[in-house]
Amino acid sequence: MTGITIAAAPGVKTIKVWDLPVRLFHWLLVATILVAFLSAEEGSPLSAWHIPAGWIAAVLIAFRLVWGLVGGEHARFADFLKPGRIGHHLAGLFSGRPERSIGHNALGGVAIIALLGTVAGIIYTGATMRGDTGEELHEALGNILLGLIALHVVAVIAMSMLTRDNLIAAFITGRKRADLHPGVPDARAPINLAIPVAIVAIGGAAYGITSIDPLAFNSGAHSEAGEAEGGETGGGDDD
């Protein structure tokens, strides 16, 4: 990509931006959503993983909601949910001189909430699905999520090119080049009790989910249930 450095060259000073837990969350959610979409069709080799993937995404969202309060500086909602900055950000874009942001920019913050909210809606409709209407809503939200993801990816690439600040690499390494953000210090670390609080949130979410669906994370059980359903359907056809 022209104008974007994939990683800082040896000796180039960098600053800490993204803490490790928020980066792990990001890429695990990406992987989970990918599995959920690939397993959506009944004939898919991954079909048994569709329900577990949805519940894993629910646990990840529970973590992110908590981490947005106790995590590192730029992972916190207070750092990037700034509606008043959207107009300024758009003005920079339209003028061809977008400002670099150390964390999420104003529109990026809106995108994060939209993505999390849509994933949560998909999980809810999947868990409470009743009849064709419920299935249609579930699928519609899935299509909306695909559109939001595509828009997000395009925006990240475009901003990386316009500002010459590799946003993808930053979410892998957790760091950005200091020369692109002069005078900006390392991001403040998560609070001291952040990890224990996050573990409680993850455990609480997993406990709540298994109370609703005892076999939530057991792909084998869902595979057997699907086969039994298919068997019953097949038996009916033979009569």
C-alpha atoms as a PDB file:
ATOM      1  CA  MET A   1       0.000   0.000   0.000  1.00  0.00           C
ATOM      2  CA  THR A   2       1.548   3.276  -1.098  1.00  0.00           C
ATOM      3  CA  GLY A   3       2.444   5.579   1.739  1.00  0.00           C
ATOM      4  CA  ILE A   4       1.830   3.048   4.508  1.00  0.00           C
ATOM      5  CA  THR A   5       4.609   1.411   6.473  1.00  0.00           C
ATOM      6  CA  ILE A   6       3.612  -2.092   7.523  1.00  0.00           C
ATOM      7  CA  ALA A   7       5.777  -1.981  10.637  1.00  0.00           C
ATOM      8  CA  ALA A   8       8.131   0.538  12.149  1.00  0.00           C
ATOM      9  CA  ALA A   9      11.693   0.081  10.961  1.00  0.00           C
ATOM     10  CA  PRO A  10      14.287  -0.991  13.550  1.00  0.00           C
ATOM     11  CA  GLY A  11      15.291   1.988  15.652  1.00  0.00           C
ATOM     12  CA  VAL A  12      12.112   3.966  14.901  1.00  0.00           C
ATOM     13  CA  LYS A  13      10.558   5.150  18.143  1.00  0.00           C
ATOM     14  CA  THR A  14       7.011   3.985  18.810  1.00  0.00           C
ATOM     15  CA  ILE A  15       4.355   4.677  21.410  1.00  0.00           C
ATOM     16  CA  LYS A  16       1.941   2.283  23.118  1.00  0.00           C
ATOM     17  CA  VAL A  17      -1.636   2.678  21.948  1.00  0.00           C
ATOM     18  CA  TRP A  18      -3.681  -0.533  22.248  1.00  0.00           C
ATOM     19  CA  ASP A  19      -3.423  -2.883  25.233  1.00  0.00           C
ATOM     20  CA  LEU A  20      -3.117  -6.628  24.629  1.00  0.00           C
ATOM     21  CA  PRO A  21      -6.609  -7.637  25.875  1.00  0.00           C
ATOM     22  CA  VAL A  22      -8.419  -5.248  23.504  1.00  0.00           C
ATOM     23  CA  ARG A  23      -6.308  -6.503  20.590  1.00  0.00           C
ATOM     24  CA  LEU A  24      -7.049 -10.125  21.470  1.00  0.00           C
ATOM     25  CA  PHE A  25     -10.740  -9.268  21.694  1.00  0.00           C
ATOM     26  CA  HIS A  26     -10.672  -7.635  18.255  1.00  0.00           C
ATOM     27  CA  TRP A  27      -9.054 -10.526  16.410  1.00  0.00           C
ATOM     28  CA  LEU A  28     -10.975 -13.223  18.319  1.00  0.00           C
ATOM     29  CA  LEU A  29     -14.244 -11.497  17.420  1.00  0.00           C
ATOM     30  CA  VAL A  30     -13.133 -11.343  13.782  1.00  0.00           C
ATOM     31  CA  ALA A  31     -12.408 -15.086  13.837  1.00  0.00           C
ATOM     32  CA  THR A  32     -15.677 -15.875  15.630  1.00  0.00           C
ATOM     33  CA  ILE A  33     -17.769 -13.863  13.165  1.00  0.00           C
ATOM     34  CA  LEU A  34     -15.997 -15.576  10.264  1.00  0.00           C
ATOM     35  CA  VAL A  35     -16.792 -19.007  11.708  1.00  0.00           C
ATOM     36  CA  ALA A  36     -20.410 -17.966  12.334  1.00  0.00           C
ATOM     37  CA  PHE A  37     -20.889 -16.920   8.711  1.00  0.00           C
ATOM     38  CA  LEU A  38     -19.113 -19.969   7.289  1.00  0.00           C
ATOM     39  CA  SER A  39     -21.234 -22.266   9.459  1.00  0.00           C
ATOM     40  CA  ALA A  40     -24.574 -20.566   8.756  1.00  0.00           C
ATOM     41  CA  GLU A  41     -25.641 -23.022   6.046  1.00  0.00           C
ATOM     42  CA  GLU A  42     -26.897 -26.427   7.199  1.00  0.00           C
ATOM     43  CA  GLY A  43     -24.691 -28.268   4.704  1.00  0.00           C
ATOM     44  CA  SER A  44     -21.514 -26.502   5.856  1.00  0.00           C
ATOM     45  CA  PRO A  45     -18.748 -28.681   7.376  1.00  0.00           C
ATOM     46  CA  LEU A  46     -18.675 -26.093  10.177  1.00  0.00           C
ATOM     47  CA  SER A  47     -22.445 -26.057  10.796  1.00  0.00           C
ATOM     48  CA  ALA A  48     -22.018 -27.605  14.254  1.00  0.00           C
ATOM     49  CA  TRP A  49     -19.992 -24.542  15.257  1.00  0.00           C
ATOM     50  CA  HIS A  50     -22.655 -21.960  14.401  1.00  0.00           C
ATOM     51  CA  ILE A  51     -24.337 -21.868  17.805  1.00  0.00           C
ATOM     52  CA  PRO A  52     -21.089 -22.113  19.839  1.00  0.00           C
ATOM     53  CA  ALA A  53     -19.606 -19.296  17.721  1.00  0.00           C
ATOM     54  CA  GLY A  54     -22.583 -17.106  18.561  1.00  0.00           C
ATOM     55  CA  TRP A  55     -22.240 -17.754  22.272  1.00  0.00           C
ATOM     56  CA  ILE A  56     -18.481 -17.157  22.180  1.00  0.00           C
ATOM     57  CA  ALA A  57     -19.203 -13.806  20.507  1.00  0.00           C
ATOM     58  CA  ALA A  58     -21.599 -13.038  23.385  1.00  0.00           C
ATOM     59  CA  VAL A  59     -18.842 -13.695  25.922  1.00  0.00           C
ATOM     60  CA  LEU A  60     -16.467 -11.483  23.940  1.00  0.00           C
ATOM     61  CA  ILE A  61     -18.989  -8.640  23.890  1.00  0.00           C
ATOM     62  CA  ALA A  62     -19.500  -8.959  27.657  1.00  0.00           C
ATOM     63  CA  PHE A  63     -15.731  -8.619  28.051  1.00  0.00           C
ATOM     64  CA  ARG A  64     -15.596  -5.605  25.733  1.00  0.00           C
ATOM     65  CA  LEU A  65     -18.344  -3.772  27.603  1.00  0.00           C
ATOM     66  CA  VAL A  66     -16.412  -4.148  30.839  1.00  0.00           C
ATOM     67  CA  TRP A  67     -13.057  -3.399  29.211  1.00  0.00           C
ATOM     68  CA  GLY A  68     -14.540  -0.215  27.820  1.00  0.00           C
ATOM     69  CA  LEU A  69     -14.736   0.983  31.423  1.00  0.00           C
ATOM     70  CA  VAL A  70     -11.576  -0.429  33.021  1.00  0.00           C
ATOM     71  CA  GLY A  71      -9.222  -1.107  30.087  1.00  0.00           C
ATOM     72  CA  GLY A  72      -6.335   0.860  28.639  1.00  0.00           C
ATOM     73  CA  GLU A  73      -6.763   4.528  27.794  1.00  0.00           C
ATOM     74  CA  HIS A  74      -7.795   4.171  24.152  1.00  0.00           C
ATOM     75  CA  ALA A  75      -9.933   1.069  24.748  1.00  0.00           C
ATOM     76  CA  ARG A  76     -12.301   3.037  26.972  1.00  0.00           C
ATOM     77  CA  PHE A  77     -15.609   4.288  25.626  1.00  0.00           C
ATOM     78  CA  ALA A  78     -14.958   7.706  27.161  1.00  0.00           C
ATOM     79  CA  ASP A  79     -11.896   8.053  24.953  1.00  0.00           C
ATOM     80  CA  PHE A  80     -13.591   7.532  21.593  1.00  0.00           C
ATOM     81  CA  LEU A  81     -17.321   8.180  22.015  1.00  0.00           C
ATOM     82  CA  LYS A  82     -17.223  11.881  21.169  1.00  0.00           C
ATOM     83  CA  PRO A  83     -20.191  12.832  18.962  1.00  0.00           C
ATOM     84  CA  GLY A  84     -19.178  16.480  19.118  1.00  0.00           C
ATOM     85  CA  ARG A  85     -16.004  15.654  17.180  1.00  0.00           C
ATOM     86  CA  ILE A  86     -17.766  14.031  14.219  1.00  0.00           C
ATOM     87  CA  GLY A  87     -18.301  17.336  12.389  1.00  0.00           C
ATOM     88  CA  HIS A  88     -14.651  18.306  12.797  1.00  0.00           C
ATOM     89  CA  HIS A  89     -13.543  14.885  11.576  1.00  0.00           C
ATOM     90  CA  LEU A  90     -15.797  15.063   8.507  1.00  0.00           C
ATOM     91  CA  ALA A  91     -14.549  18.569   7.709  1.00  0.00           C
ATOM     92  CA  GLY A  92     -10.988  17.242   7.672  1.00  0.00           C
ATOM     93  CA  LEU A  93     -11.976  14.379   5.389  1.00  0.00           C
ATOM     94  CA  PHE A  94     -13.794  16.607   2.901  1.00  0.00           C
ATOM     95  CA  SER A  95     -10.911  19.065   2.840  1.00  0.00           C
ATOM     96  CA  GLY A  96      -8.466  16.255   2.071  1.00  0.00           C
ATOM     97  CA  ARG A  97      -6.564  16.861   5.308  1.00  0.00           C
ATOM     98  CA  PRO A  98      -7.850  14.323   7.823  1.00  0.00           C
ATOM     99  CA  GLU A  99      -6.254  14.502  11.245  1.00  0.00           C
ATOM    100  CA  ARG A 100      -4.424  11.505  12.651  1.00  0.00           C
ATOM    101  CA  SER A 101      -5.987  10.147  15.818  1.00  0.00           C
ATOM    102  CA  ILE A 102      -4.031   8.184  18.356  1.00  0.00           C
ATOM    103  CA  GLY A 103      -7.026   5.969  19.208  1.00  0.00           C
ATOM    104  CA  HIS A 104     -10.333   5.595  17.376  1.00  0.00           C
ATOM    105  CA  ASN A 105     -11.436   8.736  15.575  1.00  0.00           C
ATOM    106  CA  ALA A 106     -14.976  10.088  16.055  1.00  0.00           C
ATOM    107  CA  LEU A 107     -16.502   8.080  13.197  1.00  0.00           C
ATOM    108  CA  GLY A 108     -14.499   5.012  14.190  1.00  0.00           C
ATOM    109  CA  GLY A 109     -16.065   5.185  17.640  1.00  0.00           C
ATOM    110  CA  VAL A 110     -19.544   5.220  16.121  1.00  0.00           C
ATOM    111  CA  ALA A 111     -18.577   2.247  13.931  1.00  0.00           C
ATOM    112  CA  ILE A 112     -17.402   0.243  16.954  1.00  0.00           C
ATOM    113  CA  ILE A 113     -20.720   0.742  18.742  1.00  0.00           C
ATOM    114  CA  ALA A 114     -22.685  -0.072  15.574  1.00  0.00           C
ATOM    115  CA  LEU A 115     -20.717  -3.292  15.053  1.00  0.00           C
ATOM    116  CA  LEU A 116     -21.036  -4.412  18.685  1.00  0.00           C
ATOM    117  CA  GLY A 117     -24.741  -3.569  18.721  1.00  0.00           C
ATOM    118  CA  THR A 118     -25.416  -5.475  15.513  1.00  0.00           C
ATOM    119  CA  VAL A 119     -23.509  -8.542  16.717  1.00  0.00           C
ATOM    120  CA  ALA A 120     -25.492  -8.413  19.965  1.00  0.00           C
ATOM    121  CA  GLY A 121     -28.725  -8.205  17.966  1.00  0.00           C
ATOM    122  CA  ILE A 122     -27.730 -11.224  15.892  1.00  0.00           C
ATOM    123  CA  ILE A 123     -26.961 -13.212  19.044  1.00  0.00           C
ATOM    124  CA  TYR A 124     -30.279 -12.233  20.629  1.00  0.00           C
ATOM    125  CA  THR A 125     -32.367 -13.081  17.562  1.00  0.00           C
ATOM    126  CA  GLY A 126     -30.508 -16.359  17.150  1.00  0.00           C
ATOM    127  CA  ALA A 127     -31.145 -17.324  20.779  1.00  0.00           C
ATOM    128  CA  THR A 128     -34.830 -16.361  20.714  1.00  0.00           C
ATOM    129  CA  MET A 129     -35.640 -17.323  17.136  1.00  0.00           C
ATOM    130  CA  ARG A 130     -39.261 -18.343  16.632  1.00  0.00           C
ATOM    131  CA  GLY A 131     -40.669 -19.127  13.195  1.00  0.00           C
ATOM    132  CA  ASP A 132     -39.896 -17.564   9.839  1.00  0.00           C
ATOM    133  CA  THR A 133     -40.100 -13.975  11.089  1.00  0.00           C
ATOM    134  CA  GLY A 134     -37.389 -14.561  13.679  1.00  0.00           C
ATOM    135  CA  GLU A 135     -35.183 -16.290  11.116  1.00  0.00           C
ATOM    136  CA  GLU A 136     -35.651 -13.477   8.613  1.00  0.00           C
ATOM    137  CA  LEU A 137     -34.686 -10.856  11.201  1.00  0.00           C
ATOM    138  CA  HIS A 138     -31.636 -12.913  12.188  1.00  0.00           C
ATOM    139  CA  GLU A 139     -30.528 -13.143   8.547  1.00  0.00           C
ATOM    140  CA  ALA A 140     -31.256  -9.456   7.910  1.00  0.00           C
ATOM    141  CA  LEU A 141     -29.047  -8.443  10.814  1.00  0.00           C
ATOM    142  CA  GLY A 142     -26.363 -10.778   9.475  1.00  0.00           C
ATOM    143  CA  ASN A 143     -26.462  -8.972   6.132  1.00  0.00           C
ATOM    144  CA  ILE A 144     -26.310  -5.604   7.885  1.00  0.00           C
ATOM    145  CA  LEU A 145     -23.261  -6.808   9.787  1.00  0.00           C
ATOM    146  CA  LEU A 146     -21.558  -7.806   6.535  1.00  0.00           C
ATOM    147  CA  GLY A 147     -22.182  -4.311   5.178  1.00  0.00           C
ATOM    148  CA  LEU A 148     -20.848  -2.659   8.338  1.00  0.00           C
ATOM    149  CA  ILE A 149     -17.737  -4.838   8.263  1.00  0.00           C
ATOM    150  CA  ALA A 150     -17.083  -3.989   4.614  1.00  0.00           C
ATOM    151  CA  LEU A 151     -17.526  -0.277   5.338  1.00  0.00           C
ATOM    152  CA  HIS A 152     -15.255  -0.543   8.379  1.00  0.00           C
ATOM    153  CA  VAL A 153     -12.490  -2.287   6.431  1.00  0.00           C
ATOM    154  CA  VAL A 154     -12.673   0.252   3.595  1.00  0.00           C
ATOM    155  CA  ALA A 155     -12.579   3.131   6.091  1.00  0.00           C
ATOM    156  CA  VAL A 156      -9.565   1.671   7.920  1.00  0.00           C
ATOM    157  CA  ILE A 157      -7.633   1.204   4.668  1.00  0.00           C
ATOM    158  CA  ALA A 158      -8.601   4.656   3.402  1.00  0.00           C
ATOM    159  CA  MET A 159      -7.599   6.383   6.650  1.00  0.00           C
ATOM    160  CA  SER A 160      -4.333   4.441   6.717  1.00  0.00           C
ATOM    161  CA  MET A 161      -3.528   5.713   3.238  1.00  0.00           C
ATOM    162  CA  LEU A 162      -4.657   9.289   3.822  1.00  0.00           C
ATOM    163  CA  THR A 163      -2.808   9.702   7.118  1.00  0.00           C
ATOM    164  CA  ARG A 164       0.082   7.288   6.387  1.00  0.00           C
ATOM    165  CA  ASP A 165      -0.632   5.752   9.777  1.00  0.00           C
ATOM    166  CA  ASN A 166      -1.068   1.978   9.473  1.00  0.00           C
ATOM    167  CA  LEU A 167      -4.143   1.299  11.588  1.00  0.00           C
ATOM    168  CA  ILE A 168      -4.147  -2.448  10.914  1.00  0.00           C
ATOM    169  CA  ALA A 169      -0.541  -2.888  12.018  1.00  0.00           C
ATOM    170  CA  ALA A 170      -1.274  -0.842  15.137  1.00  0.00           C
ATOM    171  CA  PHE A 171      -4.002  -3.306  16.123  1.00  0.00           C
ATOM    172  CA  ILE A 172      -1.528  -6.146  15.717  1.00  0.00           C
ATOM    173  CA  THR A 173       1.493  -4.663  17.502  1.00  0.00           C
ATOM    174  CA  GLY A 174      -0.377  -2.284  19.801  1.00  0.00           C
ATOM    175  CA  ARG A 175       1.987   0.535  18.851  1.00  0.00           C
ATOM    176  CA  LYS A 176       2.206   3.508  16.475  1.00  0.00           C
ATOM    177  CA  ARG A 177       5.130   5.533  15.175  1.00  0.00           C
ATOM    178  CA  ALA A 178       5.980   8.352  17.560  1.00  0.00           C
ATOM    179  CA  ASP A 179       7.021  10.704  14.741  1.00  0.00           C
ATOM    180  CA  LEU A 180       3.465  10.629  13.385  1.00  0.00           C
ATOM    181  CA  HIS A 181       2.090  11.640  16.786  1.00  0.00           C
ATOM    182  CA  PRO A 182       4.624  14.137  18.189  1.00  0.00           C
ATOM    183  CA  GLY A 183       4.351  14.836  21.889  1.00  0.00           C
ATOM    184  CA  VAL A 184       1.854  12.022  22.520  1.00  0.00           C
ATOM    185  CA  PRO A 185       2.862   9.786  25.470  1.00  0.00           C
ATOM    186  CA  ASP A 186       2.244   6.062  25.842  1.00  0.00           C
ATOM    187  CA  ALA A 187      -1.386   5.243  26.510  1.00  0.00           C
ATOM    188  CA  ARG A 188      -2.371   4.889  30.144  1.00  0.00           C
ATOM    189  CA  ALA A 189      -2.517   1.241  31.215  1.00  0.00           C
ATOM    190  CA  PRO A 190      -5.690  -0.523  32.410  1.00  0.00           C
ATOM    191  CA  ILE A 191      -6.624  -0.026  36.055  1.00  0.00           C
ATOM    192  CA  ASN A 192      -4.982  -2.381  38.552  1.00  0.00           C
ATOM    193  CA  LEU A 193      -8.059  -4.578  38.960  1.00  0.00           C
ATOM    194  CA  ALA A 194      -8.908  -4.622  35.246  1.00  0.00           C
ATOM    195  CA  ILE A 195      -7.901  -8.238  34.626  1.00  0.00           C
ATOM    196  CA  PRO A 196      -9.761  -9.686  37.662  1.00  0.00           C
ATOM    197  CA  VAL A 197     -12.855  -7.638  36.757  1.00  0.00           C
ATOM    198  CA  ALA A 198     -12.663  -8.867  33.146  1.00  0.00           C
ATOM    199  CA  ILE A 199     -12.307 -12.484  34.285  1.00  0.00           C
ATOM    200  CA  VAL A 200     -15.408 -12.101  36.472  1.00  0.00           C
ATOM    201  CA  ALA A 201     -17.303 -10.628  33.497  1.00  0.00           C
ATOM    202  CA  ILE A 202     -16.229 -13.482  31.216  1.00  0.00           C
ATOM    203  CA  GLY A 203     -17.079 -16.091  33.838  1.00  0.00           C
ATOM    204  CA  GLY A 204     -20.418 -14.473  34.606  1.00  0.00           C
ATOM    205  CA  ALA A 205     -21.324 -14.311  30.921  1.00  0.00           C
ATOM    206  CA  ALA A 206     -20.360 -17.947  30.366  1.00  0.00           C
ATOM    207  CA  TYR A 207     -22.347 -19.026  33.433  1.00  0.00           C
ATOM    208  CA  GLY A 208     -25.408 -17.101  32.299  1.00  0.00           C
ATOM    209  CA  ILE A 209     -25.183 -18.563  28.810  1.00  0.00           C
ATOM    210  CA  THR A 210     -24.891 -22.155  30.047  1.00  0.00           C
ATOM    211  CA  SER A 211     -27.901 -21.524  32.293  1.00  0.00           C
ATOM    212  CA  ILE A 212     -29.874 -20.737  29.130  1.00  0.00           C
ATOM    213  CA  ASP A 213     -28.237 -23.406  26.961  1.00  0.00           C
ATOM    214  CA  PRO A 214     -26.302 -26.051  28.937  1.00  0.00           C
ATOM    215  CA  LEU A 215     -24.647 -27.287  25.721  1.00  0.00           C
ATOM    216  CA  ALA A 216     -23.895 -23.788  24.406  1.00  0.00           C
ATOM    217  CA  PHE A 217     -20.190 -24.360  23.836  1.00  0.00           C
ATOM    218  CA  ASN A 218     -20.404 -28.040  22.836  1.00  0.00           C
ATOM    219  CA  SER A 219     -20.189 -28.225  19.061  1.00  0.00           C
ATOM    220  CA  GLY A 220     -20.528 -32.013  19.142  1.00  0.00           C
ATOM    221  CA  ALA A 221     -23.909 -31.815  20.839  1.00  0.00           C
ATOM    222  CA  HIS A 222     -25.201 -29.364  18.245  1.00  0.00           C
ATOM    223  CA  SER A 223     -23.871 -31.590  15.477  1.00  0.00           C
ATOM    224  CA  GLU A 224     -25.727 -34.609  16.899  1.00  0.00           C
ATOM    225  CA  ALA A 225     -28.906 -32.543  17.277  1.00  0.00           C
ATOM    226  CA  GLY A 226     -28.669 -31.479  13.638  1.00  0.00           C
ATOM    227  CA  GLU A 227     -28.148 -35.056  12.487  1.00  0.00           C
ATOM    228  CA  ALA A 228     -31.132 -36.258  14.532  1.00  0.00           C
ATOM    229  CA  GLU A 229     -33.290 -33.508  13.061  1.00  0.00           C
ATOM    230  CA  GLY A 230     -32.146 -34.471   9.590  1.00  0.00           C
ATOM    231  CA  GLY A 231     -32.872 -38.099  10.326  1.00  0.00           C
ATOM    232  CA  GLU A 232     -36.402 -37.333  11.464  1.00  0.00           C
ATOM    233  CA  THR A 233     -37.014 -35.253   8.362  1.00  0.00           C
ATOM    234  CA  GLY A 234     -35.649 -38.009   6.154  1.00  0.00           C
ATOM    235  CA  GLY A 235     -37.837 -40.586   7.868  1.00  0.00           C
ATOM    236  CA  GLY A 236     -40.917 -38.500   7.184  1.00  0.00           C
ATOM    237  CA  ASP A 237     -40.056 -38.270   3.509  1.00  0.00           C
ATOM    238  CA  ASP A 238     -39.808 -42.041   3.213  1.00  0.00           C
ATOM    239  CA  ASP A 239     -43.344 -42.670   4.462  1.00  0.00           C
END
